[in-house]
Protein backbone atom coordinates (compact mmCIF):
# COMPACT_ATOMS: atom_id res chain seq x y z
CA MET A 1 132.42 34.65 6.66
CA THR A 2 129.67 35.16 9.25
CA LYS A 3 130.39 37.50 12.08
CA ALA A 4 129.69 36.24 15.63
CA THR A 5 126.56 37.72 17.22
CA TYR A 6 126.39 38.17 20.94
CA SER A 7 123.43 38.40 23.18
CA ASN A 8 123.27 41.54 25.38
CA THR A 9 121.48 39.66 28.22
CA PRO A 10 124.01 38.85 30.87
CA ARG A 11 124.65 35.23 31.70
CA VAL A 12 124.77 34.91 35.48
CA LEU A 13 126.32 31.99 37.30
CA PRO A 14 125.79 31.82 41.09
CA LEU A 15 128.81 30.49 42.93
CA PRO A 16 128.61 28.35 46.10
CA ARG A 17 129.34 29.38 49.71
CA ASP A 18 132.73 27.69 49.45
CA PHE A 19 134.43 28.18 46.06
CA SER A 20 137.62 26.29 46.72
CA GLY A 21 139.46 23.13 45.67
CA PHE A 22 136.62 21.15 47.10
CA THR A 23 133.96 22.61 44.78
CA VAL A 24 135.79 24.04 41.79
CA ASP A 25 135.81 20.71 39.94
CA SER A 26 132.01 20.55 40.08
CA PHE A 27 131.91 23.91 38.23
CA ARG A 28 134.19 22.81 35.38
CA ASP A 29 131.21 22.01 33.06
CA GLU A 30 129.45 25.30 33.85
CA PHE A 31 132.60 27.30 33.26
CA GLU A 32 133.03 25.45 29.96
CA LYS A 33 129.44 26.45 28.97
CA LEU A 34 130.23 30.06 29.80
CA ALA A 35 133.38 29.99 27.73
CA VAL A 36 131.56 28.91 24.62
CA CYS A 37 128.24 30.87 25.08
CA ASP A 38 127.44 33.87 22.92
CA ASN A 39 126.47 36.29 25.69
CA THR A 40 128.44 39.55 25.64
CA ASN A 41 128.46 39.82 29.41
CA ILE A 42 129.15 37.03 31.84
CA ILE A 43 128.70 37.53 35.58
CA LEU A 44 129.87 35.29 38.40
CA ASP A 45 127.58 35.94 41.37
CA PHE A 46 129.41 35.93 44.64
CA SER A 47 126.53 37.00 46.86
CA GLU A 48 126.46 33.68 48.71
CA THR A 49 130.24 33.02 48.57
CA GLU A 50 132.03 33.30 51.88
CA PHE A 51 135.30 31.58 50.94
CA ILE A 52 137.58 31.34 47.90
CA ASP A 53 141.07 29.87 47.51
CA SER A 54 143.68 29.77 44.75
CA SER A 55 141.75 26.98 42.94
CA GLY A 56 138.66 29.20 42.69
CA ILE A 57 140.65 32.23 41.64
CA GLY A 58 142.64 30.14 39.09
CA ALA A 59 139.39 28.82 37.49
CA MET A 60 137.89 32.28 37.36
CA VAL A 61 141.10 33.78 35.72
CA PHE A 62 141.19 30.89 33.32
CA LEU A 63 137.61 31.62 32.27
CA TYR A 64 138.34 35.33 31.95
CA LYS A 65 141.27 34.70 29.60
CA ARG A 66 139.14 32.38 27.37
CA ILE A 67 136.17 34.71 27.03
CA GLU A 68 138.28 37.96 26.72
CA LYS A 69 139.86 36.61 23.49
CA LYS A 70 136.33 36.36 22.09
CA GLY A 71 135.47 39.98 22.98
CA GLN A 72 133.22 39.07 25.94
CA ASN A 73 133.20 40.69 29.40
CA LEU A 74 133.41 39.12 32.83
CA ALA A 75 132.26 40.83 36.05
CA LEU A 76 131.99 39.70 39.57
CA LEU A 77 128.79 40.46 41.42
CA LYS A 78 128.59 41.22 45.16
CA VAL A 79 132.11 40.19 46.24
CA ASN A 80 132.40 40.62 50.06
CA GLY A 81 134.22 39.23 53.05
CA GLN A 82 137.18 36.86 52.62
CA PRO A 83 136.78 36.65 48.79
CA PHE A 84 136.89 40.48 48.53
CA LYS A 85 139.99 40.66 50.79
CA LEU A 86 141.90 37.91 48.88
CA MET A 87 141.00 39.13 45.43
CA SER A 88 141.83 42.72 46.31
CA LEU A 89 145.16 41.58 47.75
CA LEU A 90 145.89 39.69 44.49
CA ARG A 91 144.59 42.76 42.47
CA VAL A 92 141.99 40.70 40.67
CA ASP A 93 139.70 43.81 40.75
CA LYS A 94 142.29 45.57 38.50
CA THR A 95 141.47 43.17 35.70
CA ILE A 96 137.97 41.84 36.39
CA PRO A 97 135.45 44.48 37.51
CA PHE A 98 133.54 44.01 40.82
CA ILE A 99 129.90 45.14 40.56
CA GLU A 100 127.26 45.54 43.29
CA GLN A 101 124.14 45.03 41.12
CA LEU A 102 123.03 43.82 37.65
CA GLU A 103 122.59 46.48 35.05
CA LEU A 104 119.63 45.26 33.02
């Protein structure tokens, strides 16, 4: 049986300005690619994101649960403004780390 090998290079996905029910569906394929990739670290880049709703958070948590089972890590880059407030209120930061810069 072959052991899975993971790439140490982080896979970064920039998210849109509005990551809500209006745009989440268009990211379904990208999230699926992330869920099956072999990168050890997956990063969702929130640097341009100004708004998130429950659809965006739900998609992100679903991705987290899928990759965590495979031993991969998810982090959220540059979460600010409304997304930061909402995710802090929902305690997302207690499960998925927020980071301010990429560690390369």
